[in-house]
Amino acid sequence: MVSIKQNLLINGQIRVREVQVIDGEGNQLGKMETAKAIEMAMDKNMDLVLVSGNLDNPVCKIMDYGKYKFEQSKREKESKKKQKIVELKEIRVTPNIDEHDFSFKSKNAKKFLESGDRVKVTVRFRGRELNYVKLGEGVLNKFAEDLAEVASIEKTPKLEGKSMFLILAPLK
C-alpha cells in the first residue's frame, strides 16, 4: 500500500488573505485575517495549519504541527504492522512433467498457499509442444485438483503466447 503524505501549509506558507480559524480544542473562532491568526497561534506557541485549502472558505487550525506529524507517522507505522503483503509465487512446469517432479512442485505450491501467498502455475511450451495445448491444460487442471483442499482457482487456465497459466489463491 502506498501511503499518502500530505504536506499541509503552515504559518507563512499560507497565501490566503482571510481564513476560517479553529482553535486547538476544536472551537470555531470565525473568519479573520491570516496575519492575525498566525499571531494568535504564535502567542500560544503553536502553528497555524491550513487543513482545507478550499478557495471559497479556507479553514485553518491552531495546533502543534510537529506533534501532529509525529502522531500521524506513529499511526501509519501501526497500520503497516497489521497488514500482510500477499505475494504471487510462480511455479513453472512443462506439459510432459514427470510424476515425481509434479508432486515436488505441488508440495512447494501447497507450502506457498498455506503461508498465505497466491500461486501462478505456468506451463511453458517449446517447439512442437505448442501443438499439444490440451496436455498443458491437463497438467494445470491436475494442479488445481491436487491443491483443492488448500486453494481455489482465481484465474482459469489461459494461453498467452507460448505459455499457459493458472492462478490459485489460498482458501480463507
N, C-alpha and C. Protein backbone atom coordinates (compact mmCIF):
# COMPACT_ATOMS: atom_id res chain seq x y z
N MET A 1 0.84 -1.18 0.00
CA MET A 1 0.00 0.00 0.00
C MET A 1 0.88 1.23 0.00
N VAL A 2 0.55 2.20 -0.80
CA VAL A 2 1.31 3.44 -0.87
C VAL A 2 0.67 4.43 0.09
N SER A 3 1.49 4.99 0.98
CA SER A 3 0.95 5.94 1.94
C SER A 3 0.83 7.31 1.28
N ILE A 4 -0.21 8.00 1.62
CA ILE A 4 -0.46 9.32 1.06
C ILE A 4 0.07 10.34 2.06
N LYS A 5 1.15 10.98 1.71
CA LYS A 5 1.73 12.00 2.58
C LYS A 5 1.20 13.35 2.11
N GLN A 6 0.50 14.03 2.98
CA GLN A 6 0.01 15.34 2.60
C GLN A 6 0.77 16.37 3.41
N ASN A 7 1.49 17.22 2.73
CA ASN A 7 2.20 18.29 3.40
C ASN A 7 1.28 19.48 3.47
N LEU A 8 0.89 19.82 4.68
CA LEU A 8 -0.03 20.93 4.89
C LEU A 8 0.75 22.23 4.96
N LEU A 9 0.13 23.30 4.54
CA LEU A 9 0.77 24.61 4.61
C LEU A 9 0.67 25.13 6.03
N ILE A 10 1.78 25.68 6.53
CA ILE A 10 1.76 26.21 7.89
C ILE A 10 2.26 27.65 7.91
N ASN A 11 1.80 28.40 8.88
CA ASN A 11 2.19 29.78 9.15
C ASN A 11 2.41 30.63 7.90
N GLY A 12 3.65 31.02 7.59
CA GLY A 12 3.96 31.93 6.50
C GLY A 12 3.70 31.37 5.11
N GLN A 13 3.52 30.05 5.00
CA GLN A 13 3.26 29.43 3.70
C GLN A 13 1.83 29.68 3.22
N ILE A 14 0.95 30.04 4.13
CA ILE A 14 -0.45 30.28 3.79
C ILE A 14 -0.56 31.62 3.08
N ARG A 15 -1.03 31.62 1.83
CA ARG A 15 -1.06 32.81 0.99
C ARG A 15 -2.47 33.40 0.81
N VAL A 16 -3.41 32.99 1.65
CA VAL A 16 -4.78 33.48 1.55
C VAL A 16 -4.94 34.68 2.49
N ARG A 17 -5.75 35.65 2.11
CA ARG A 17 -5.90 36.87 2.92
C ARG A 17 -6.74 36.62 4.16
N GLU A 18 -7.89 35.92 4.00
CA GLU A 18 -8.77 35.65 5.13
C GLU A 18 -9.01 34.15 5.27
N VAL A 19 -9.05 33.67 6.51
CA VAL A 19 -9.27 32.24 6.75
C VAL A 19 -10.27 32.05 7.89
N GLN A 20 -10.92 30.90 7.85
CA GLN A 20 -11.79 30.47 8.95
C GLN A 20 -10.87 29.78 9.96
N VAL A 21 -10.93 30.16 11.23
CA VAL A 21 -9.98 29.64 12.22
C VAL A 21 -10.68 28.77 13.26
N ILE A 22 -9.99 27.63 13.55
CA ILE A 22 -10.45 26.71 14.60
C ILE A 22 -9.30 26.58 15.59
N ASP A 23 -9.61 26.67 16.89
CA ASP A 23 -8.51 26.56 17.88
C ASP A 23 -8.18 25.10 18.18
N GLY A 24 -7.22 24.87 19.07
CA GLY A 24 -6.73 23.54 19.39
C GLY A 24 -7.79 22.60 19.95
N GLU A 25 -8.82 23.14 20.62
CA GLU A 25 -9.87 22.31 21.20
C GLU A 25 -11.01 22.03 20.22
N GLY A 26 -10.96 22.65 19.04
CA GLY A 26 -11.99 22.43 18.03
C GLY A 26 -13.07 23.48 18.03
N ASN A 27 -12.88 24.57 18.77
CA ASN A 27 -13.87 25.66 18.81
C ASN A 27 -13.68 26.59 17.61
N GLN A 28 -14.79 27.02 17.02
CA GLN A 28 -14.76 27.94 15.88
C GLN A 28 -14.44 29.35 16.39
N LEU A 29 -13.44 29.98 15.82
CA LEU A 29 -13.09 31.35 16.18
C LEU A 29 -13.56 32.35 15.14
N GLY A 30 -14.10 31.86 14.03
CA GLY A 30 -14.64 32.73 12.99
C GLY A 30 -13.62 33.10 11.94
N LYS A 31 -14.06 33.99 11.01
CA LYS A 31 -13.18 34.44 9.93
C LYS A 31 -12.29 35.56 10.43
N MET A 32 -11.01 35.51 10.05
CA MET A 32 -10.10 36.59 10.39
C MET A 32 -8.96 36.64 9.39
N GLU A 33 -8.21 37.71 9.43
CA GLU A 33 -7.06 37.85 8.53
C GLU A 33 -6.00 36.83 8.91
N THR A 34 -5.28 36.36 7.90
CA THR A 34 -4.27 35.32 8.11
C THR A 34 -3.17 35.80 9.06
N ALA A 35 -2.72 37.03 8.90
CA ALA A 35 -1.65 37.56 9.75
C ALA A 35 -2.07 37.55 11.22
N LYS A 36 -3.31 37.95 11.50
CA LYS A 36 -3.82 37.98 12.88
C LYS A 36 -3.91 36.56 13.43
N ALA A 37 -4.35 35.59 12.59
CA ALA A 37 -4.46 34.20 13.02
C ALA A 37 -3.09 33.61 13.33
N ILE A 38 -2.09 33.94 12.50
CA ILE A 38 -0.72 33.45 12.75
C ILE A 38 -0.19 34.03 14.05
N GLU A 39 -0.47 35.31 14.28
CA GLU A 39 -0.02 35.96 15.52
C GLU A 39 -0.67 35.29 16.73
N MET A 40 -1.96 34.97 16.62
CA MET A 40 -2.69 34.31 17.71
C MET A 40 -2.07 32.94 17.99
N ALA A 41 -1.72 32.19 16.93
CA ALA A 41 -1.12 30.87 17.09
C ALA A 41 0.25 30.97 17.74
N MET A 42 1.04 31.98 17.33
CA MET A 42 2.38 32.17 17.90
C MET A 42 2.30 32.50 19.39
N ASP A 43 1.27 33.25 19.80
CA ASP A 43 1.09 33.58 21.21
C ASP A 43 0.90 32.33 22.05
N LYS A 44 0.28 31.30 21.46
CA LYS A 44 0.03 30.05 22.18
C LYS A 44 1.16 29.03 21.95
N ASN A 45 2.26 29.45 21.30
CA ASN A 45 3.39 28.57 20.95
C ASN A 45 2.93 27.40 20.08
N MET A 46 2.08 27.71 19.14
CA MET A 46 1.58 26.69 18.21
C MET A 46 1.69 27.21 16.78
N ASP A 47 1.23 26.39 15.84
CA ASP A 47 1.28 26.75 14.42
C ASP A 47 -0.12 26.90 13.87
N LEU A 48 -0.23 27.72 12.82
CA LEU A 48 -1.48 27.84 12.08
C LEU A 48 -1.36 26.94 10.87
N VAL A 49 -2.22 25.94 10.79
CA VAL A 49 -2.12 24.93 9.73
C VAL A 49 -3.37 25.01 8.85
N LEU A 50 -3.14 25.07 7.52
CA LEU A 50 -4.24 25.11 6.57
C LEU A 50 -4.74 23.68 6.37
N VAL A 51 -5.92 23.36 6.90
CA VAL A 51 -6.44 21.99 6.81
C VAL A 51 -7.35 21.81 5.61
N SER A 52 -7.98 22.89 5.15
CA SER A 52 -8.83 22.82 3.96
C SER A 52 -8.51 24.01 3.08
N GLY A 53 -7.90 23.73 1.93
CA GLY A 53 -7.49 24.81 1.02
C GLY A 53 -8.58 25.23 0.06
N ASN A 54 -9.83 25.05 0.43
CA ASN A 54 -10.95 25.45 -0.40
C ASN A 54 -10.86 26.94 -0.70
N LEU A 55 -10.94 27.32 -1.97
CA LEU A 55 -10.79 28.73 -2.35
C LEU A 55 -11.89 29.63 -1.79
N ASP A 56 -13.12 29.10 -1.67
CA ASP A 56 -14.23 29.91 -1.17
C ASP A 56 -14.12 30.14 0.34
N ASN A 57 -13.73 29.09 1.06
CA ASN A 57 -13.71 29.16 2.52
C ASN A 57 -12.52 28.37 3.07
N PRO A 58 -11.29 28.92 3.02
CA PRO A 58 -10.14 28.17 3.55
C PRO A 58 -10.23 28.06 5.07
N VAL A 59 -9.94 26.86 5.59
CA VAL A 59 -10.04 26.61 7.02
C VAL A 59 -8.66 26.32 7.58
N CYS A 60 -8.30 27.02 8.66
CA CYS A 60 -7.03 26.80 9.33
C CYS A 60 -7.28 26.38 10.77
N LYS A 61 -6.34 25.59 11.29
CA LYS A 61 -6.47 25.12 12.66
C LYS A 61 -5.21 25.48 13.41
N ILE A 62 -5.39 25.89 14.66
CA ILE A 62 -4.24 26.20 15.51
C ILE A 62 -3.86 24.90 16.22
N MET A 63 -2.65 24.41 15.94
CA MET A 63 -2.21 23.14 16.54
C MET A 63 -0.69 23.09 16.58
N ASP A 64 -0.16 22.12 17.31
CA ASP A 64 1.28 21.88 17.34
C ASP A 64 1.59 20.96 16.15
N TYR A 65 2.13 21.53 15.09
CA TYR A 65 2.33 20.79 13.84
C TYR A 65 3.32 19.64 13.99
N GLY A 66 4.38 19.85 14.75
CA GLY A 66 5.38 18.79 14.98
C GLY A 66 4.75 17.58 15.65
N LYS A 67 3.93 17.84 16.67
CA LYS A 67 3.25 16.75 17.38
C LYS A 67 2.26 16.03 16.45
N TYR A 68 1.57 16.81 15.61
CA TYR A 68 0.61 16.26 14.66
C TYR A 68 1.30 15.31 13.69
N LYS A 69 2.45 15.74 13.12
CA LYS A 69 3.20 14.91 12.18
C LYS A 69 3.70 13.63 12.87
N PHE A 70 4.15 13.75 14.12
CA PHE A 70 4.63 12.59 14.87
C PHE A 70 3.51 11.58 15.08
N GLU A 71 2.35 12.05 15.51
CA GLU A 71 1.20 11.17 15.73
C GLU A 71 0.78 10.50 14.43
N GLN A 72 0.81 11.26 13.32
CA GLN A 72 0.42 10.72 12.02
C GLN A 72 1.38 9.60 11.60
N SER A 73 2.68 9.81 11.77
CA SER A 73 3.66 8.77 11.39
C SER A 73 3.53 7.55 12.30
N LYS A 74 3.20 7.77 13.56
CA LYS A 74 3.01 6.67 14.52
C LYS A 74 1.81 5.81 14.09
N ARG A 75 0.71 6.47 13.71
CA ARG A 75 -0.48 5.75 13.25
C ARG A 75 -0.20 4.97 11.96
N GLU A 76 0.58 5.58 11.06
CA GLU A 76 0.93 4.94 9.80
C GLU A 76 1.76 3.68 10.03
N LYS A 77 2.73 3.75 10.94
CA LYS A 77 3.57 2.59 11.27
C LYS A 77 2.72 1.48 11.88
N GLU A 78 1.78 1.85 12.74
CA GLU A 78 0.90 0.87 13.39
C GLU A 78 0.04 0.15 12.37
N SER A 79 -0.48 0.89 11.38
CA SER A 79 -1.33 0.26 10.36
C SER A 79 -0.49 -0.64 9.45
N LYS A 80 0.77 -0.29 9.21
CA LYS A 80 1.64 -1.13 8.40
C LYS A 80 1.94 -2.45 9.09
N LYS A 81 2.04 -2.44 10.41
CA LYS A 81 2.31 -3.66 11.17
C LYS A 81 1.19 -4.67 11.00
N LYS A 82 -0.04 -4.18 10.92
CA LYS A 82 -1.21 -5.06 10.90
C LYS A 82 -1.49 -5.67 9.54
N GLN A 83 -0.90 -5.10 8.46
CA GLN A 83 -1.22 -5.62 7.13
C GLN A 83 -0.26 -6.71 6.69
N LYS A 84 -0.79 -7.67 5.93
CA LYS A 84 0.03 -8.76 5.39
C LYS A 84 0.13 -8.55 3.89
N ILE A 85 1.35 -8.56 3.39
CA ILE A 85 1.56 -8.38 1.96
C ILE A 85 1.48 -9.75 1.30
N VAL A 86 0.54 -9.90 0.38
CA VAL A 86 0.34 -11.16 -0.32
C VAL A 86 1.16 -11.13 -1.60
N GLU A 87 2.03 -12.11 -1.74
CA GLU A 87 2.87 -12.19 -2.93
C GLU A 87 2.30 -13.20 -3.91
N LEU A 88 2.75 -13.10 -5.15
CA LEU A 88 2.36 -14.05 -6.18
C LEU A 88 3.60 -14.87 -6.50
N LYS A 89 3.60 -16.12 -6.08
CA LYS A 89 4.73 -17.02 -6.34
C LYS A 89 4.45 -17.75 -7.64
N GLU A 90 5.50 -18.00 -8.42
CA GLU A 90 5.32 -18.67 -9.71
C GLU A 90 6.02 -20.02 -9.71
N ILE A 91 5.33 -21.00 -10.25
CA ILE A 91 5.89 -22.34 -10.43
C ILE A 91 5.78 -22.67 -11.90
N ARG A 92 6.94 -23.03 -12.52
CA ARG A 92 6.95 -23.34 -13.95
C ARG A 92 7.08 -24.83 -14.16
N VAL A 93 6.28 -25.34 -15.08
CA VAL A 93 6.32 -26.77 -15.43
C VAL A 93 6.26 -26.91 -16.95
N THR A 94 6.53 -28.13 -17.43
CA THR A 94 6.40 -28.42 -18.85
C THR A 94 5.18 -29.31 -19.05
N PRO A 95 4.66 -29.41 -20.27
CA PRO A 95 3.45 -30.21 -20.47
C PRO A 95 3.69 -31.72 -20.23
N ASN A 96 4.91 -32.19 -20.40
CA ASN A 96 5.19 -33.62 -20.17
C ASN A 96 6.00 -33.81 -18.89
N ILE A 97 5.48 -33.26 -17.79
CA ILE A 97 6.17 -33.33 -16.50
C ILE A 97 6.06 -34.74 -15.91
N ASP A 98 7.13 -35.17 -15.27
CA ASP A 98 7.17 -36.50 -14.64
C ASP A 98 6.38 -36.46 -13.32
N GLU A 99 5.92 -37.60 -12.86
CA GLU A 99 5.09 -37.70 -11.65
C GLU A 99 5.83 -37.18 -10.41
N HIS A 100 7.11 -37.54 -10.27
CA HIS A 100 7.88 -37.10 -9.10
C HIS A 100 8.06 -35.59 -9.10
N ASP A 101 8.40 -35.03 -10.27
CA ASP A 101 8.56 -33.58 -10.40
C ASP A 101 7.24 -32.87 -10.09
N PHE A 102 6.15 -33.45 -10.58
CA PHE A 102 4.83 -32.88 -10.33
C PHE A 102 4.53 -32.83 -8.84
N SER A 103 4.77 -33.94 -8.14
CA SER A 103 4.46 -33.98 -6.70
C SER A 103 5.36 -33.02 -5.92
N PHE A 104 6.62 -32.88 -6.34
CA PHE A 104 7.55 -31.96 -5.68
C PHE A 104 7.07 -30.51 -5.84
N LYS A 105 6.71 -30.14 -7.06
CA LYS A 105 6.25 -28.77 -7.32
C LYS A 105 4.89 -28.51 -6.65
N SER A 106 4.07 -29.54 -6.61
CA SER A 106 2.77 -29.43 -5.95
C SER A 106 2.95 -29.19 -4.45
N LYS A 107 3.93 -29.90 -3.87
CA LYS A 107 4.21 -29.74 -2.44
C LYS A 107 4.69 -28.31 -2.14
N ASN A 108 5.55 -27.78 -3.03
CA ASN A 108 6.02 -26.40 -2.85
C ASN A 108 4.86 -25.41 -2.98
N ALA A 109 4.00 -25.63 -3.94
CA ALA A 109 2.84 -24.75 -4.13
C ALA A 109 1.94 -24.77 -2.90
N LYS A 110 1.77 -25.95 -2.32
CA LYS A 110 0.94 -26.09 -1.12
C LYS A 110 1.54 -25.29 0.03
N LYS A 111 2.87 -25.33 0.15
CA LYS A 111 3.57 -24.59 1.19
C LYS A 111 3.34 -23.08 1.00
N PHE A 112 3.44 -22.61 -0.25
CA PHE A 112 3.21 -21.19 -0.53
C PHE A 112 1.78 -20.78 -0.18
N LEU A 113 0.83 -21.62 -0.56
CA LEU A 113 -0.58 -21.31 -0.31
C LEU A 113 -0.88 -21.29 1.18
N GLU A 114 -0.29 -22.21 1.93
CA GLU A 114 -0.53 -22.25 3.38
C GLU A 114 0.07 -21.04 4.09
N SER A 115 1.13 -20.45 3.50
CA SER A 115 1.71 -19.25 4.11
C SER A 115 0.95 -17.99 3.68
N GLY A 116 -0.10 -18.14 2.86
CA GLY A 116 -0.97 -17.02 2.50
C GLY A 116 -0.67 -16.37 1.17
N ASP A 117 0.27 -16.92 0.40
CA ASP A 117 0.60 -16.33 -0.90
C ASP A 117 -0.24 -16.95 -2.01
N ARG A 118 -0.41 -16.18 -3.10
CA ARG A 118 -1.09 -16.72 -4.28
C ARG A 118 -0.04 -17.43 -5.13
N VAL A 119 -0.46 -18.41 -5.92
CA VAL A 119 0.48 -19.18 -6.74
C VAL A 119 0.05 -19.12 -8.20
N LYS A 120 1.02 -18.85 -9.07
CA LYS A 120 0.78 -18.84 -10.52
C LYS A 120 1.53 -20.05 -11.08
N VAL A 121 0.80 -21.00 -11.62
CA VAL A 121 1.40 -22.19 -12.22
C VAL A 121 1.44 -21.96 -13.72
N THR A 122 2.65 -22.01 -14.28
CA THR A 122 2.84 -21.72 -15.69
C THR A 122 3.38 -22.94 -16.43
N VAL A 123 2.75 -23.28 -17.54
CA VAL A 123 3.24 -24.35 -18.41
C VAL A 123 3.88 -23.67 -19.61
N ARG A 124 5.19 -23.94 -19.82
CA ARG A 124 5.91 -23.36 -20.96
C ARG A 124 5.93 -24.36 -22.10
N PHE A 125 5.54 -23.94 -23.27
CA PHE A 125 5.55 -24.79 -24.46
C PHE A 125 6.76 -24.42 -25.31
N ARG A 126 7.55 -25.44 -25.70
CA ARG A 126 8.72 -25.21 -26.55
C ARG A 126 8.55 -26.01 -27.85
N GLY A 127 8.86 -25.37 -28.93
CA GLY A 127 8.85 -26.05 -30.23
C GLY A 127 7.50 -26.62 -30.58
N ARG A 128 7.48 -27.94 -30.88
CA ARG A 128 6.24 -28.61 -31.30
C ARG A 128 5.26 -28.86 -30.16
N GLU A 129 5.69 -28.62 -28.91
CA GLU A 129 4.79 -28.82 -27.77
C GLU A 129 3.56 -27.92 -27.88
N LEU A 130 3.67 -26.84 -28.64
CA LEU A 130 2.55 -25.91 -28.81
C LEU A 130 1.37 -26.57 -29.52
N ASN A 131 1.63 -27.69 -30.22
CA ASN A 131 0.54 -28.44 -30.87
C ASN A 131 -0.28 -29.23 -29.85
N TYR A 132 0.27 -29.41 -28.65
CA TYR A 132 -0.39 -30.23 -27.62
C TYR A 132 -0.79 -29.37 -26.41
N VAL A 133 -1.56 -28.34 -26.69
CA VAL A 133 -2.01 -27.42 -25.65
C VAL A 133 -2.88 -28.15 -24.62
N LYS A 134 -3.63 -29.16 -25.07
CA LYS A 134 -4.51 -29.91 -24.17
C LYS A 134 -3.71 -30.60 -23.06
N LEU A 135 -2.50 -31.07 -23.39
CA LEU A 135 -1.63 -31.69 -22.37
C LEU A 135 -1.31 -30.69 -21.27
N GLY A 136 -0.96 -29.47 -21.67
CA GLY A 136 -0.65 -28.42 -20.70
C GLY A 136 -1.84 -28.06 -19.84
N GLU A 137 -2.99 -27.99 -20.49
CA GLU A 137 -4.21 -27.67 -19.74
C GLU A 137 -4.53 -28.78 -18.74
N GLY A 138 -4.26 -30.03 -19.15
CA GLY A 138 -4.46 -31.17 -18.25
C GLY A 138 -3.56 -31.08 -17.02
N VAL A 139 -2.30 -30.67 -17.23
CA VAL A 139 -1.35 -30.52 -16.11
C VAL A 139 -1.86 -29.45 -15.14
N LEU A 140 -2.33 -28.33 -15.68
CA LEU A 140 -2.83 -27.25 -14.82
C LEU A 140 -4.08 -27.67 -14.05
N ASN A 141 -4.98 -28.40 -14.72
CA ASN A 141 -6.18 -28.88 -14.03
C ASN A 141 -5.82 -29.88 -12.94
N LYS A 142 -4.79 -30.71 -13.21
CA LYS A 142 -4.33 -31.67 -12.20
C LYS A 142 -3.77 -30.93 -10.99
N PHE A 143 -3.05 -29.83 -11.24
CA PHE A 143 -2.53 -28.99 -10.14
C PHE A 143 -3.68 -28.47 -9.29
N ALA A 144 -4.72 -27.94 -9.98
CA ALA A 144 -5.88 -27.39 -9.27
C ALA A 144 -6.58 -28.46 -8.44
N GLU A 145 -6.72 -29.67 -9.00
CA GLU A 145 -7.34 -30.79 -8.27
C GLU A 145 -6.51 -31.16 -7.06
N ASP A 146 -5.19 -31.25 -7.27
CA ASP A 146 -4.27 -31.68 -6.22
C ASP A 146 -4.27 -30.71 -5.04
N LEU A 147 -4.45 -29.42 -5.32
CA LEU A 147 -4.40 -28.40 -4.27
C LEU A 147 -5.78 -27.89 -3.88
N ALA A 148 -6.83 -28.62 -4.25
CA ALA A 148 -8.21 -28.17 -3.98
C ALA A 148 -8.50 -27.96 -2.51
N GLU A 149 -7.85 -28.72 -1.61
CA GLU A 149 -8.14 -28.59 -0.18
C GLU A 149 -7.55 -27.32 0.43
N VAL A 150 -6.53 -26.72 -0.22
CA VAL A 150 -5.91 -25.51 0.33
C VAL A 150 -6.07 -24.29 -0.57
N ALA A 151 -6.58 -24.48 -1.80
CA ALA A 151 -6.65 -23.35 -2.73
C ALA A 151 -7.91 -23.37 -3.57
N SER A 152 -8.24 -22.20 -4.05
CA SER A 152 -9.34 -22.06 -5.00
C SER A 152 -8.77 -21.43 -6.28
N ILE A 153 -9.40 -21.72 -7.39
CA ILE A 153 -8.92 -21.19 -8.67
C ILE A 153 -9.35 -19.74 -8.78
N GLU A 154 -8.35 -18.86 -8.91
CA GLU A 154 -8.64 -17.44 -9.06
C GLU A 154 -8.78 -17.08 -10.54
N LYS A 155 -7.93 -17.68 -11.38
CA LYS A 155 -7.98 -17.45 -12.81
C LYS A 155 -7.82 -18.79 -13.51
N THR A 156 -8.76 -19.15 -14.33
CA THR A 156 -8.74 -20.44 -15.03
C THR A 156 -7.59 -20.49 -16.03
N PRO A 157 -7.20 -21.72 -16.47
CA PRO A 157 -6.09 -21.84 -17.42
C PRO A 157 -6.31 -20.99 -18.67
N LYS A 158 -5.27 -20.24 -19.02
CA LYS A 158 -5.37 -19.32 -20.14
C LYS A 158 -4.06 -19.35 -20.92
N LEU A 159 -4.16 -19.44 -22.25
CA LEU A 159 -2.98 -19.49 -23.10
C LEU A 159 -2.60 -18.08 -23.53
N GLU A 160 -1.33 -17.71 -23.28
CA GLU A 160 -0.81 -16.42 -23.72
C GLU A 160 0.53 -16.66 -24.37
N GLY A 161 0.60 -16.50 -25.67
CA GLY A 161 1.86 -16.73 -26.38
C GLY A 161 2.26 -18.20 -26.31
N LYS A 162 3.46 -18.46 -25.79
CA LYS A 162 3.96 -19.84 -25.70
C LYS A 162 3.81 -20.41 -24.30
N SER A 163 3.00 -19.77 -23.46
CA SER A 163 2.79 -20.30 -22.12
C SER A 163 1.32 -20.23 -21.72
N MET A 164 0.95 -21.15 -20.85
CA MET A 164 -0.42 -21.21 -20.33
C MET A 164 -0.30 -21.13 -18.81
N PHE A 165 -1.17 -20.36 -18.18
CA PHE A 165 -1.05 -20.24 -16.73
C PHE A 165 -2.39 -20.35 -16.03
N LEU A 166 -2.28 -20.60 -14.73
CA LEU A 166 -3.42 -20.75 -13.84
C LEU A 166 -3.04 -20.06 -12.55
N ILE A 167 -3.93 -19.30 -11.95
CA ILE A 167 -3.62 -18.64 -10.68
C ILE A 167 -4.50 -19.22 -9.59
N LEU A 168 -3.84 -19.64 -8.49
CA LEU A 168 -4.53 -20.23 -7.35
C LEU A 168 -4.40 -19.29 -6.15
N ALA A 169 -5.49 -19.14 -5.42
CA ALA A 169 -5.50 -18.30 -4.22
C ALA A 169 -5.79 -19.17 -3.02
N PRO A 170 -5.19 -18.87 -1.87
CA PRO A 170 -5.44 -19.68 -0.68
C PRO A 170 -6.89 -19.54 -0.20
N LEU A 171 -7.42 -20.63 0.35
CA LEU A 171 -8.78 -20.59 0.90
C LEU A 171 -8.76 -19.78 2.18
N LYS A 172 -9.84 -19.10 2.46
CA LYS A 172 -9.92 -18.29 3.69
C LYS A 172 -10.11 -19.17 4.89
